[in-house]
Amino acid sequence: MGFRLLVVCLATLLPLAAHADGEPPRKHMVASANPHATDAGLEILRRGGSAVDATIAVQLVLTLVEPQSSGIGGGAFLMLHDAETGSVTAYDGRETAPSDIDHTLFLTHEGAPEVKGDVMPGGRSVGVPGVIRMLKLAHDSHGKLPWSDLFEPAIRLATDGFQVSPRLNMLLGRDKHLKKFDTSAAHYFADEGEPHPVGHVLKNPEFAETLTILAENPEAFYQGPIAEDIIAAVQTAPVNPGTLSLEDMAAYQPKVREAVCATYREKRICGMPPPSSGGVAVIQILKILEGLDMAAQTPNTAESANLFAEAARLAYADRAKWLADSDVVDVPVMGLTSDAYLEERRALVSPGQIMADAPAGIPPGVEARYTPADPAEVPATTHYSIVDQWGNVVAMTSSVENAFGSRLMVRGFLLNNQLTDFTFAPEEDGLPVANRPGPGKRPLSSMSPTLVFDEQGRPIITVGSPGGPLIISFVAKTLIGLLDWNMSMQQAIELPNYIYFGNSLIIERDTVLWQAQPALEAMGYALRPAGLTSGLHGIVIHYDDEGRWLEGGADPRREGVAKGD
C-alpha cells in the first residue's frame, strides 16, 4: 500500500494503531492536537458513535487540556460529509458581537484604533460563544449516541485530572495577562506564582460540574446561572469590561451554510464560507496554481515557493478587501472563486519573479465598495479531523482567538476574545472596511476546515490547522503536497511553512526551504525566519479492493496524535 501509516506525537514518529496482521485502520480514525482528545474521540467511535458524536467528545476534552486554543467558551466551524446522502454541510458556530456595539468598538475617544494587545484581555473582546449550540445542532441531525454520553470522557478527565503538558506549561509561562484575573491565576498557577510544572496533575472539578449540567441540558449554557456567570464576568472584568448581555446569549443562533466548493485537478475541494475567509482563499490559491502547473514543480525549491507565495499574496489581498460576515456584508463569493476571475488573477503571476504589488481584484458581480484591511487574527486555535465507520467525515476548526482567549475563566472554562478579529479602523479614505465591528455581527476568520472528494464523489481528505491568518497558507500548502506531489498526509504536514507578509517572505526557521535562500533573494524576496507553528491534523481516505483504509497525520510542531482501528 505504498507506505506504512505514521503519526506524530510530541514530535516523535510512532506507528499508528493497526490490525494484528499489520493492515492499516479501515474502520474509523481521529486526528487531533492532544492525545487525551484523540483518545476521547476514539472511545466514542468504538462505542458506536458517529463522527459528529466523536467531534463533541474531542472538543470538550480540548477545552480542558488545550485551553490556550479552543473551548466551549469560544466558536468553531464544522465541515461535515454525510455518507448516506453524499451531502456536504458547513456548520457556523462563530461568535457574535453584542447587540449594543457599533463600528467604534475599538476606537479611542479621539477616534484612533486602540492597540490590539491592550484590549484582548477582559470583557470587551468577548463574543457570544457558539460551540455548544452549534454542536447540538449538528448532533440533532447526525448523532447516534445520546448527547449526555459524549460528555463522559471530559467529565472523567476533569475530575481525575490530567498531566500538564510541556506546551501548556510553556504557554502559561509566556502569558502576560492570566494573572490579572484571580480565578484564572488560581487555576493555572501555583501559590508562588509559577505555572504548574510539566507533569503536574491538574484537576478541574468546576468544569466537571459545568459539563454535568450541559450534558443534561445544553441550553443551560445560554440561559440560566451559567449564562448569568458569563455575563457577570464580562461586565465586571477588572480589565476592559464589556457590554455582552443575557439577551445576547439567549439570542445566539448557529448557522447551517452552503460550503464553498471548486474543482482542482479533477478533485472537488470544499471549504468554509463566510464569515470564514478560509474556503474562498484556499480555493483561490489552488486555482491560481492549477494553471501554473504546480504539480511539475519540485517541493522545497525556490521555483515552487515563488509560485505559491505569489498566488497566496493575491488571495490574501482579496481576503482583506472583500471577506466578512455575509449576513451583514455583500460578499462576492461566486465571483471571487469563478474560473474567469481567477484566470485574470493568475495572469499577474510571472514564474521566477516577485510582483511589485499584489492588489485586490474586482470580481464580477460586485456592487459595494470596500477598502482593504490588515489581517486581524492571532494564531491560537485548534483543528481535528474524524472519520467514522459509516464513512461520515468531519473537519472542525475551533478557537478562542488569542492564547487563553480573554483570560476570563467562568465555571472552569475560558471565554474567547474573538471580537478582536474585527478590523479596528472601521474606514479608510472614506470607504468602509467590510470586517468592521457591528451589532450581532460575526468577525472574519481564516479557519479553513477542508474536505476533498475524488472524481467519483468519494471523500478522500479531511484537513485543517490553527494559525490565525496563516491557516490559509498552512492548509493550501498541505493540499499541494497531497494532490500535486502525491505525498502522504504526514509528509505534506511536515512541508516547511512560509508566507509572504509585510514585504518579506517569512520562512519556517531551520527547515530545508532555507537551502533555496540564494535563489529566492535573486528573485527579489527579502527573507525572514519565524516559528510558524501550524497545528495541521488530517486524514487521507484510500480505497482498494477490500474497501477503504485510513492514513492519519499530526503536526510535529504541536503535541497531537492520530489513532484509528
Protein backbone atom coordinates (compact mmCIF):
# COMPACT_ATOMS: atom_id res chain seq x y z
CA MET A 1 0.00 0.00 0.00
CA GLY A 2 2.96 2.30 -0.56
CA PHE A 3 3.93 3.37 2.93
CA ARG A 4 3.19 2.44 6.50
CA LEU A 5 0.81 4.62 8.43
CA LEU A 6 2.57 7.13 10.66
CA VAL A 7 1.55 9.73 13.19
CA VAL A 8 3.35 12.30 15.25
CA CYS A 9 3.04 12.58 19.00
CA LEU A 10 5.17 15.16 20.78
CA ALA A 11 7.37 15.39 17.69
CA THR A 12 8.22 11.68 17.81
CA LEU A 13 7.12 9.40 14.97
CA LEU A 14 5.21 6.37 16.21
CA PRO A 15 3.48 3.62 14.24
CA LEU A 16 -0.29 4.08 14.18
CA ALA A 17 -2.64 1.60 15.80
CA ALA A 18 -3.29 -1.11 13.21
CA HIS A 19 -4.83 -4.53 12.89
CA ALA A 20 -2.91 -7.52 14.20
CA ASP A 21 -1.98 -8.55 10.66
CA GLY A 22 -0.29 -5.21 10.06
CA GLU A 23 -3.09 -3.75 7.97
CA PRO A 24 -3.77 -0.03 8.50
CA PRO A 25 -7.02 1.16 10.10
CA ARG A 26 -10.11 0.65 7.96
CA LYS A 27 -12.91 1.38 10.40
CA HIS A 28 -12.53 4.84 11.93
CA MET A 29 -9.94 7.43 12.96
CA VAL A 30 -9.37 10.63 14.95
CA ALA A 31 -6.54 13.14 14.42
CA SER A 32 -6.40 15.95 16.98
CA ALA A 33 -3.97 18.28 18.73
CA ASN A 34 -3.83 16.38 22.02
CA PRO A 35 -3.58 12.66 22.87
CA HIS A 36 -6.31 12.92 25.52
CA ALA A 37 -8.69 14.41 22.97
CA THR A 38 -7.86 11.82 20.33
CA ASP A 39 -8.44 9.05 22.86
CA ALA A 40 -11.80 10.56 23.83
CA GLY A 41 -12.95 10.69 20.23
CA LEU A 42 -11.78 7.15 19.58
CA GLU A 43 -13.59 5.93 22.70
CA ILE A 44 -16.84 7.35 21.34
CA LEU A 45 -16.28 5.82 17.90
CA ARG A 46 -15.62 2.43 19.47
CA ARG A 47 -18.91 2.70 21.35
CA GLY A 48 -20.76 3.10 18.06
CA GLY A 49 -20.75 6.86 17.91
CA SER A 50 -20.77 8.89 14.71
CA ALA A 51 -18.11 11.33 13.54
CA VAL A 52 -20.22 14.16 14.98
CA ASP A 53 -20.51 12.32 18.31
CA ALA A 54 -16.73 11.97 18.44
CA THR A 55 -16.34 15.63 17.48
CA ILE A 56 -18.28 16.68 20.56
CA ALA A 57 -16.19 14.48 22.87
CA VAL A 58 -12.94 15.80 21.35
CA GLN A 59 -13.99 19.45 21.75
CA LEU A 60 -14.99 19.01 25.38
CA VAL A 61 -11.66 17.39 26.25
CA LEU A 62 -9.70 20.04 24.34
CA THR A 63 -11.47 22.71 26.43
CA LEU A 64 -9.81 21.10 29.43
CA VAL A 65 -6.36 20.06 28.18
CA GLU A 66 -5.70 22.68 25.48
CA PRO A 67 -7.37 25.80 26.97
CA GLN A 68 -4.99 28.10 25.13
CA SER A 69 -6.53 27.14 21.80
CA SER A 70 -10.25 26.38 21.94
CA GLY A 71 -13.15 25.50 24.16
CA ILE A 72 -16.84 25.81 24.91
CA GLY A 73 -16.21 29.49 25.67
CA GLY A 74 -15.32 30.08 22.02
CA GLY A 75 -16.51 29.38 18.49
CA ALA A 76 -15.92 26.88 15.69
CA PHE A 77 -16.58 25.89 12.09
CA LEU A 78 -17.51 22.30 11.27
CA MET A 79 -17.45 20.78 7.78
CA LEU A 80 -19.39 17.50 7.54
CA HIS A 81 -19.72 14.92 4.78
CA ASP A 82 -22.78 12.73 5.29
CA ALA A 83 -22.05 9.29 3.80
CA GLU A 84 -25.72 8.32 3.45
CA THR A 85 -26.81 11.37 1.46
CA GLY A 86 -23.45 12.42 -0.01
CA SER A 87 -24.12 15.96 1.18
CA VAL A 88 -21.57 18.47 2.49
CA THR A 89 -22.75 20.77 5.27
CA ALA A 90 -20.96 23.77 6.75
CA TYR A 91 -21.89 24.47 10.38
CA ASP A 92 -21.12 28.00 11.58
CA GLY A 93 -20.58 28.32 15.33
CA ARG A 94 -18.71 31.64 15.11
CA GLU A 95 -19.16 34.09 17.99
CA THR A 96 -21.38 37.16 17.59
CA ALA A 97 -20.87 40.72 18.84
CA PRO A 98 -23.14 42.29 21.47
CA SER A 99 -26.28 43.94 20.12
CA ASP A 100 -25.41 47.36 21.52
CA ILE A 101 -21.97 47.90 19.92
CA ASP A 102 -21.13 49.71 16.71
CA HIS A 103 -18.10 50.29 14.46
CA THR A 104 -16.41 52.38 17.18
CA LEU A 105 -15.96 49.37 19.48
CA PHE A 106 -12.16 49.53 19.42
CA LEU A 107 -11.60 53.26 18.84
CA THR A 108 -10.21 55.69 21.41
CA HIS A 109 -12.14 58.80 22.41
CA GLU A 110 -10.05 60.62 19.79
CA GLY A 111 -11.19 58.18 17.10
CA ALA A 112 -7.89 56.30 16.69
CA PRO A 113 -7.73 52.48 16.67
CA GLU A 114 -6.74 51.02 20.02
CA VAL A 115 -3.74 48.72 20.37
CA LYS A 116 -4.97 45.17 19.90
CA GLY A 117 -2.80 43.73 22.65
CA ASP A 118 -4.32 46.16 25.12
CA VAL A 119 -7.93 45.11 24.52
CA MET A 120 -7.57 41.35 24.07
CA PRO A 121 -7.81 40.56 27.81
CA GLY A 122 -11.02 41.34 29.65
CA GLY A 123 -14.70 41.60 28.77
CA ARG A 124 -14.92 43.96 25.81
CA SER A 125 -13.37 41.41 23.44
CA VAL A 126 -15.78 38.58 24.31
CA GLY A 127 -18.36 37.45 21.75
CA VAL A 128 -21.27 35.12 22.42
CA PRO A 129 -19.73 31.61 22.41
CA GLY A 130 -21.16 29.43 19.65
CA VAL A 131 -19.65 26.00 20.20
CA ILE A 132 -22.32 24.35 22.36
CA ARG A 133 -25.34 25.33 20.28
CA MET A 134 -23.54 24.56 17.03
CA LEU A 135 -22.52 21.09 18.21
CA LYS A 136 -26.04 20.40 19.48
CA LEU A 137 -27.44 21.44 16.10
CA ALA A 138 -25.10 19.02 14.32
CA HIS A 139 -25.85 16.25 16.83
CA ASP A 140 -29.61 16.60 16.36
CA SER A 141 -29.16 15.57 12.70
CA HIS A 142 -26.07 13.38 12.77
CA GLY A 143 -25.62 11.98 16.26
CA LYS A 144 -26.03 8.28 17.09
CA LEU A 145 -25.22 8.14 20.79
CA PRO A 146 -27.16 10.13 23.40
CA TRP A 147 -25.88 13.70 23.86
CA SER A 148 -25.11 13.08 27.54
CA ASP A 149 -22.88 10.09 26.78
CA LEU A 150 -20.49 12.30 24.83
CA PHE A 151 -19.60 14.27 27.94
CA GLU A 152 -18.33 11.27 29.90
CA PRO A 153 -14.65 11.33 28.82
CA ALA A 154 -14.26 15.04 29.60
CA ILE A 155 -16.09 14.79 32.93
CA ARG A 156 -13.89 11.87 33.92
CA LEU A 157 -10.69 13.69 32.93
CA ALA A 158 -11.73 16.94 34.65
CA THR A 159 -12.49 15.02 37.85
CA ASP A 160 -9.41 12.78 37.89
CA GLY A 161 -7.04 15.35 36.40
CA PHE A 162 -4.50 15.29 33.58
CA GLN A 163 -0.78 15.92 33.49
CA VAL A 164 0.23 19.42 32.39
CA SER A 165 1.98 19.06 29.04
CA PRO A 166 5.21 20.79 28.00
CA ARG A 167 3.32 23.02 25.57
CA LEU A 168 0.70 24.13 28.10
CA ASN A 169 3.40 24.82 30.68
CA MET A 170 5.42 26.84 28.15
CA LEU A 171 2.47 28.95 27.06
CA LEU A 172 1.39 29.62 30.64
CA GLY A 173 4.90 30.82 31.40
CA ARG A 174 4.82 33.21 28.45
CA ASP A 175 1.41 34.72 29.12
CA LYS A 176 1.26 38.28 30.42
CA HIS A 177 -2.45 38.53 31.19
CA LEU A 178 -3.76 35.45 33.02
CA LYS A 179 -2.51 36.66 36.38
CA LYS A 180 -4.67 39.78 36.07
CA PHE A 181 -7.71 37.62 36.73
CA ASP A 182 -7.94 35.89 40.10
CA THR A 183 -9.92 32.82 39.02
CA SER A 184 -7.64 32.10 36.07
CA ALA A 185 -4.47 32.68 38.08
CA ALA A 186 -5.63 30.41 40.89
CA HIS A 187 -6.30 27.56 38.47
CA TYR A 188 -3.24 27.67 36.23
CA PHE A 189 -0.52 28.87 38.62
CA ALA A 190 0.96 27.55 41.85
CA ASP A 191 0.90 29.57 45.05
CA GLU A 192 4.30 31.10 44.30
CA GLY A 193 3.03 32.45 41.00
CA GLU A 194 4.76 29.99 38.68
CA PRO A 195 2.78 27.94 36.15
CA HIS A 196 2.06 24.39 37.22
CA PRO A 197 5.07 22.30 36.17
CA VAL A 198 5.12 19.68 33.45
CA GLY A 199 3.58 16.51 34.84
CA HIS A 200 1.50 18.26 37.49
CA VAL A 201 -1.92 16.62 37.73
CA LEU A 202 -4.36 19.45 37.06
CA LYS A 203 -7.94 18.79 38.15
CA ASN A 204 -10.93 20.95 37.26
CA PRO A 205 -13.96 19.90 39.33
CA GLU A 206 -15.78 23.12 38.47
CA PHE A 207 -15.59 22.28 34.76
CA ALA A 208 -16.77 18.74 35.54
CA GLU A 209 -19.82 20.26 37.24
CA THR A 210 -20.46 22.54 34.26
CA LEU A 211 -20.24 19.61 31.86
CA THR A 212 -22.62 17.57 34.01
CA ILE A 213 -25.19 20.36 33.74
CA LEU A 214 -24.73 20.77 29.98
CA ALA A 215 -24.89 17.01 29.41
CA GLU A 216 -28.47 17.11 30.63
CA ASN A 217 -29.43 20.48 29.15
CA PRO A 218 -27.21 22.27 26.62
CA GLU A 219 -29.50 25.31 26.74
CA ALA A 220 -28.25 25.90 30.29
CA PHE A 221 -25.18 27.48 28.68
CA TYR A 222 -27.26 30.26 27.13
CA GLN A 223 -29.98 30.81 29.73
CA GLY A 224 -29.81 30.49 33.49
CA PRO A 225 -26.98 30.53 36.05
CA ILE A 226 -24.13 29.62 33.65
CA ALA A 227 -25.12 32.40 31.24
CA GLU A 228 -25.52 34.80 34.17
CA ASP A 229 -22.00 33.99 35.37
CA ILE A 230 -20.61 34.56 31.87
CA ILE A 231 -22.27 37.98 31.65
CA ALA A 232 -21.14 38.92 35.17
CA ALA A 233 -17.54 38.04 34.30
CA VAL A 234 -17.68 40.11 31.11
CA GLN A 235 -19.39 43.16 32.56
CA THR A 236 -17.36 43.32 35.80
CA ALA A 237 -13.97 42.35 34.35
CA PRO A 238 -11.15 44.21 36.12
CA VAL A 239 -9.70 44.95 32.67
CA ASN A 240 -11.75 46.18 29.69
CA PRO A 241 -15.26 45.40 30.96
CA GLY A 242 -17.75 44.66 28.20
CA THR A 243 -21.45 45.01 27.45
CA LEU A 244 -22.42 41.46 26.46
CA SER A 245 -25.92 40.79 27.83
CA LEU A 246 -28.17 37.87 28.76
CA GLU A 247 -30.32 38.84 25.78
CA ASP A 248 -27.29 38.44 23.51
CA MET A 249 -26.62 34.98 24.94
CA ALA A 250 -30.23 33.81 24.56
CA ALA A 251 -30.48 35.16 21.00
CA TYR A 252 -27.43 33.35 19.63
CA GLN A 253 -28.11 31.03 16.69
CA PRO A 254 -25.64 28.74 14.90
CA LYS A 255 -25.97 28.70 11.14
CA VAL A 256 -26.06 25.95 8.52
CA ARG A 257 -24.37 27.36 5.42
CA GLU A 258 -23.59 26.20 1.92
CA ALA A 259 -19.99 25.07 1.57
CA VAL A 260 -17.68 26.83 -0.88
CA CYS A 261 -16.59 24.20 -3.41
CA ALA A 262 -14.47 24.18 -6.57
CA THR A 263 -12.68 21.68 -8.78
CA TYR A 264 -8.90 21.39 -8.58
CA ARG A 265 -7.09 18.82 -10.75
CA GLU A 266 -10.37 16.88 -11.09
CA LYS A 267 -10.80 16.78 -7.31
CA ARG A 268 -13.58 18.67 -5.51
CA ILE A 269 -12.35 20.99 -2.75
CA CYS A 270 -14.95 22.12 -0.19
CA GLY A 271 -14.28 24.72 2.49
CA MET A 272 -16.00 27.04 4.91
CA PRO A 273 -17.89 30.04 3.55
CA PRO A 274 -18.03 33.50 5.19
CA PRO A 275 -17.70 34.58 7.92
CA SER A 276 -14.62 32.46 7.32
CA SER A 277 -12.31 33.56 4.55
CA GLY A 278 -10.70 30.12 4.57
CA GLY A 279 -12.79 28.35 1.95
CA VAL A 280 -12.56 31.18 -0.57
CA ALA A 281 -8.86 31.91 -0.06
CA VAL A 282 -7.69 28.28 -0.13
CA ILE A 283 -9.63 27.70 -3.35
CA GLN A 284 -8.19 30.88 -4.85
CA ILE A 285 -4.61 29.80 -4.13
CA LEU A 286 -5.17 26.33 -5.57
CA LYS A 287 -6.98 27.54 -8.68
CA ILE A 288 -4.30 30.13 -9.45
CA LEU A 289 -1.63 27.45 -9.08
CA GLU A 290 -3.56 24.95 -11.18
CA GLY A 291 -2.82 26.94 -14.32
CA LEU A 292 0.84 27.31 -13.34
CA ASP A 293 1.38 23.53 -13.23
CA MET A 294 2.42 23.32 -9.59
CA ALA A 295 2.50 19.53 -9.95
CA ALA A 296 5.54 19.83 -12.21
CA GLN A 297 7.49 21.76 -9.58
CA THR A 298 9.92 20.18 -7.13
CA PRO A 299 8.97 20.60 -3.44
CA ASN A 300 11.06 22.92 -1.27
CA THR A 301 12.65 24.80 -4.15
CA ALA A 302 12.76 28.49 -4.94
CA GLU A 303 10.62 27.89 -8.01
CA SER A 304 7.76 26.18 -6.16
CA ALA A 305 7.94 28.62 -3.23
CA ASN A 306 7.80 31.56 -5.63
CA LEU A 307 4.61 30.33 -7.31
CA PHE A 308 2.89 29.53 -4.03
CA ALA A 309 3.87 32.82 -2.38
CA GLU A 310 2.63 34.93 -5.28
CA ALA A 311 -0.67 33.05 -5.55
CA ALA A 312 -1.18 33.44 -1.80
CA ARG A 313 -0.45 37.18 -1.98
CA LEU A 314 -3.31 37.63 -4.42
CA ALA A 315 -5.68 35.55 -2.30
CA TYR A 316 -4.80 37.47 0.87
CA ALA A 317 -5.33 40.79 -0.94
CA ASP A 318 -8.85 39.74 -1.89
CA ARG A 319 -9.45 38.46 1.62
CA ALA A 320 -8.51 41.80 3.14
CA LYS A 321 -10.89 43.73 0.90
CA TRP A 322 -13.92 41.57 0.27
CA LEU A 323 -14.37 38.96 3.02
CA ALA A 324 -16.57 39.50 6.09
CA ASP A 325 -19.80 38.26 7.67
CA SER A 326 -22.02 37.58 4.65
CA ASP A 327 -25.16 38.05 6.77
CA VAL A 328 -24.20 41.72 7.08
CA VAL A 329 -21.93 42.42 4.10
CA ASP A 330 -22.47 41.52 0.44
CA VAL A 331 -19.55 39.13 -0.10
CA PRO A 332 -18.96 38.19 -3.78
CA VAL A 333 -18.11 34.53 -3.09
CA MET A 334 -19.11 33.28 -6.54
CA GLY A 335 -17.13 35.99 -8.29
CA LEU A 336 -14.04 35.50 -6.14
CA THR A 337 -13.93 31.78 -6.92
CA SER A 338 -15.01 31.87 -10.57
CA ASP A 339 -12.68 30.44 -13.21
CA ALA A 340 -12.73 33.60 -15.33
CA TYR A 341 -11.78 35.86 -12.42
CA LEU A 342 -9.01 33.57 -11.19
CA GLU A 343 -7.62 33.33 -14.71
CA GLU A 344 -7.24 37.13 -14.61
CA ARG A 345 -5.53 36.90 -11.23
CA ARG A 346 -3.22 34.13 -12.43
CA ALA A 347 -2.03 36.34 -15.29
CA LEU A 348 -0.46 38.64 -12.68
CA VAL A 349 1.98 35.90 -11.63
CA SER A 350 5.24 35.62 -13.58
CA PRO A 351 7.22 32.49 -12.63
CA GLY A 352 10.62 33.37 -11.21
CA GLN A 353 9.61 36.91 -10.36
CA ILE A 354 8.10 38.78 -7.44
CA MET A 355 5.17 41.11 -8.00
CA ALA A 356 5.92 44.71 -7.11
CA ASP A 357 2.39 44.87 -5.75
CA ALA A 358 -0.37 42.32 -5.23
CA PRO A 359 -3.59 44.34 -5.23
CA ALA A 360 -7.08 43.09 -4.56
CA GLY A 361 -9.09 42.45 -7.70
CA ILE A 362 -12.59 43.46 -8.72
CA PRO A 363 -14.58 40.22 -9.02
CA PRO A 364 -17.68 40.04 -11.21
CA GLY A 365 -20.99 40.86 -9.61
CA VAL A 366 -19.57 43.41 -7.17
CA GLU A 367 -21.84 46.30 -6.22
CA ALA A 368 -20.44 47.55 -2.92
CA ARG A 369 -17.02 49.11 -2.46
CA TYR A 370 -14.75 48.45 0.48
CA THR A 371 -11.22 49.36 1.46
CA PRO A 372 -8.57 46.72 2.29
CA ALA A 373 -7.75 45.95 5.91
CA ASP A 374 -4.85 44.13 7.55
CA PRO A 375 -5.42 40.58 8.85
CA ALA A 376 -6.58 40.88 12.45
CA GLU A 377 -6.34 37.35 13.84
CA VAL A 378 -3.69 35.93 16.12
CA PRO A 379 -2.74 32.25 15.97
CA ALA A 380 -4.38 30.39 18.87
CA THR A 381 -6.77 27.79 17.53
CA THR A 382 -7.07 24.02 17.09
CA HIS A 383 -8.15 21.60 14.37
CA TYR A 384 -9.21 17.99 14.30
CA SER A 385 -10.36 15.51 11.66
CA ILE A 386 -12.55 12.45 12.16
CA VAL A 387 -13.82 9.56 10.01
CA ASP A 388 -16.37 7.11 11.42
CA GLN A 389 -17.23 3.51 10.50
CA TRP A 390 -20.06 4.59 8.18
CA GLY A 391 -17.83 6.91 6.17
CA ASN A 392 -19.06 10.19 7.66
CA VAL A 393 -16.23 12.71 7.68
CA VAL A 394 -15.65 15.78 9.87
CA ALA A 395 -13.18 18.64 9.63
CA MET A 396 -13.57 21.06 12.55
CA THR A 397 -11.51 24.11 13.43
CA SER A 398 -12.21 25.72 16.79
CA SER A 399 -10.83 28.79 18.55
CA VAL A 400 -10.84 31.19 21.49
CA GLU A 401 -8.71 33.57 19.33
CA ASN A 402 -5.64 34.68 21.32
CA ALA A 403 -3.86 32.16 23.55
CA PHE A 404 -6.19 31.66 26.55
CA GLY A 405 -8.73 33.98 24.91
CA SER A 406 -9.90 36.88 27.07
CA ARG A 407 -8.29 35.17 30.10
CA LEU A 408 -11.66 35.35 31.86
CA MET A 409 -12.44 32.00 33.47
CA VAL A 410 -16.05 31.08 34.21
CA ARG A 411 -17.15 27.79 35.77
CA GLY A 412 -13.92 26.04 34.79
CA PHE A 413 -13.54 27.27 31.18
CA LEU A 414 -12.09 30.33 29.46
CA LEU A 415 -14.02 32.86 27.42
CA ASN A 416 -12.92 33.96 23.95
CA ASN A 417 -11.57 37.32 22.83
CA GLN A 418 -12.90 36.79 19.32
CA LEU A 419 -14.23 40.31 18.79
CA THR A 420 -10.65 41.49 18.28
CA ASP A 421 -10.82 39.64 14.95
CA PHE A 422 -12.76 42.64 13.69
CA THR A 423 -10.71 45.31 11.95
CA PHE A 424 -10.25 48.11 14.47
CA ALA A 425 -10.19 51.00 11.94
CA PRO A 426 -13.75 50.98 10.52
CA GLU A 427 -12.97 53.02 7.42
CA GLU A 428 -10.14 54.42 5.36
CA ASP A 429 -10.10 57.09 2.66
CA GLY A 430 -13.83 57.49 3.07
CA LEU A 431 -14.62 53.84 2.35
CA PRO A 432 -15.88 51.35 4.95
CA VAL A 433 -13.95 48.23 5.93
CA ALA A 434 -16.02 45.11 5.30
CA ASN A 435 -14.86 43.45 8.53
CA ARG A 436 -15.51 46.37 10.86
CA PRO A 437 -17.41 45.77 14.14
CA GLY A 438 -21.20 45.81 14.15
CA PRO A 439 -24.08 44.71 16.39
CA GLY A 440 -24.68 40.96 16.23
CA LYS A 441 -22.00 40.63 13.55
CA ARG A 442 -19.58 37.70 13.30
CA PRO A 443 -15.91 38.66 12.93
CA LEU A 444 -13.98 37.45 9.91
CA SER A 445 -11.97 34.27 10.40
CA SER A 446 -9.29 32.39 8.47
CA MET A 447 -10.23 28.98 9.88
CA SER A 448 -10.13 26.55 6.97
CA PRO A 449 -11.59 23.12 7.75
CA THR A 450 -11.42 21.43 4.37
CA LEU A 451 -12.84 18.31 2.74
CA VAL A 452 -11.67 16.89 -0.59
CA PHE A 453 -13.54 14.45 -2.84
CA ASP A 454 -12.33 12.32 -5.75
CA GLU A 455 -13.78 12.12 -9.26
CA GLN A 456 -16.39 9.61 -8.06
CA GLY A 457 -17.57 11.93 -5.30
CA ARG A 458 -15.95 9.90 -2.50
CA PRO A 459 -14.30 11.76 0.39
CA ILE A 460 -10.51 11.40 0.29
CA ILE A 461 -9.13 14.13 2.58
CA THR A 462 -10.11 15.96 5.75
CA VAL A 463 -7.62 18.56 6.97
CA GLY A 464 -7.20 21.90 8.72
CA SER A 465 -4.95 23.89 11.04
CA PRO A 466 -4.71 26.65 13.61
CA GLY A 467 -2.56 29.68 12.89
CA GLY A 468 -4.65 32.87 12.58
CA PRO A 469 -4.42 34.32 9.06
CA LEU A 470 -1.61 31.85 8.32
CA ILE A 471 -4.12 28.99 8.43
CA ILE A 472 -4.98 29.57 4.79
CA SER A 473 -1.37 29.08 3.70
CA PHE A 474 -0.83 26.10 6.02
CA VAL A 475 -3.84 24.25 4.61
CA ALA A 476 -3.16 25.17 0.97
CA LYS A 477 0.46 24.03 1.33
CA THR A 478 -0.67 20.68 2.69
CA LEU A 479 -3.19 20.18 -0.11
CA ILE A 480 -0.47 20.91 -2.69
CA GLY A 481 1.69 18.23 -1.08
CA LEU A 482 -1.17 15.73 -1.16
CA LEU A 483 -2.72 16.46 -4.55
CA ASP A 484 0.20 17.71 -6.63
CA TRP A 485 3.17 15.92 -5.15
CA ASN A 486 1.49 12.64 -4.08
CA MET A 487 2.79 12.88 -0.53
CA SER A 488 1.42 11.08 2.50
CA MET A 489 -0.57 13.17 4.96
CA GLN A 490 2.38 13.20 7.34
CA GLN A 491 4.82 14.27 4.64
CA ALA A 492 2.53 17.06 3.46
CA ILE A 493 2.02 18.33 7.01
CA GLU A 494 5.78 18.41 7.57
CA LEU A 495 6.49 20.52 4.47
CA PRO A 496 8.07 23.82 5.58
CA ASN A 497 5.64 26.62 6.29
CA TYR A 498 6.11 30.01 4.62
CA ILE A 499 4.10 33.11 3.82
CA TYR A 500 4.66 36.50 2.20
CA PHE A 501 3.72 39.09 4.80
CA GLY A 502 4.79 42.67 5.46
CA ASN A 503 7.11 42.90 2.43
CA SER A 504 9.02 39.79 3.49
CA LEU A 505 8.87 36.13 2.63
CA ILE A 506 8.70 34.56 6.09
CA ILE A 507 10.09 31.02 6.14
CA GLU A 508 9.87 28.50 8.95
CA ARG A 509 13.26 28.51 10.62
CA ASP A 510 15.59 25.51 10.48
CA THR A 511 13.81 23.90 7.53
CA VAL A 512 15.06 22.59 4.20
CA LEU A 513 13.49 25.52 2.34
CA TRP A 514 16.31 27.76 3.60
CA GLN A 515 18.57 26.00 1.11
CA ALA A 516 16.71 27.99 -1.54
CA GLN A 517 17.67 31.31 0.08
CA PRO A 518 20.12 32.49 -2.65
CA ALA A 519 17.67 31.78 -5.46
CA LEU A 520 14.76 33.40 -3.63
CA GLU A 521 16.80 36.50 -2.86
CA ALA A 522 17.85 36.68 -6.51
CA MET A 523 14.14 36.83 -7.39
CA GLY A 524 13.82 39.88 -5.12
CA TYR A 525 12.46 38.40 -1.91
CA ALA A 526 13.52 39.72 1.48
CA LEU A 527 13.62 36.64 3.71
CA ARG A 528 12.85 36.42 7.40
CA PRO A 529 12.83 33.35 9.71
CA ALA A 530 9.98 32.62 12.11
CA GLY A 531 8.46 29.78 14.10
CA LEU A 532 5.25 29.47 12.00
CA THR A 533 3.81 26.88 14.38
CA SER A 534 0.98 25.26 12.49
CA GLY A 535 -1.16 22.55 14.01
CA LEU A 536 -2.18 20.60 10.94
CA HIS A 537 -4.19 17.44 11.53
CA GLY A 538 -5.75 15.37 8.82
CA ILE A 539 -6.79 12.02 7.44
CA VAL A 540 -6.48 10.59 3.93
CA ILE A 541 -9.09 8.00 2.93
CA HIS A 542 -7.74 5.44 0.46
CA TYR A 543 -9.86 2.95 -1.49
CA ASP A 544 -8.85 -0.54 -2.59
CA ASP A 545 -10.47 -3.88 -3.43
CA GLU A 546 -11.18 -4.53 0.25
CA GLY A 547 -12.90 -1.20 0.81
CA ARG A 548 -11.07 1.72 2.35
CA TRP A 549 -8.13 2.34 4.61
CA LEU A 550 -7.23 5.40 6.64
CA GLU A 551 -3.95 7.27 6.86
CA GLY A 552 -3.64 9.96 9.53
CA GLY A 553 -1.17 12.73 10.17
CA ALA A 554 -0.45 15.03 13.11
CA ASP A 555 1.72 18.12 13.23
CA PRO A 556 5.10 17.62 14.96
CA ARG A 557 5.07 21.35 15.76
CA ARG A 558 2.44 20.67 18.44
CA GLU A 559 1.59 17.61 20.55
CA GLY A 560 -1.15 15.92 18.58
CA VAL A 561 -1.73 12.33 17.57
CA ALA A 562 -3.83 10.36 15.09
CA LYS A 563 -5.29 6.98 16.01
CA GLY A 564 -7.65 4.54 14.36
CA ASP A 565 -8.94 0.96 14.30
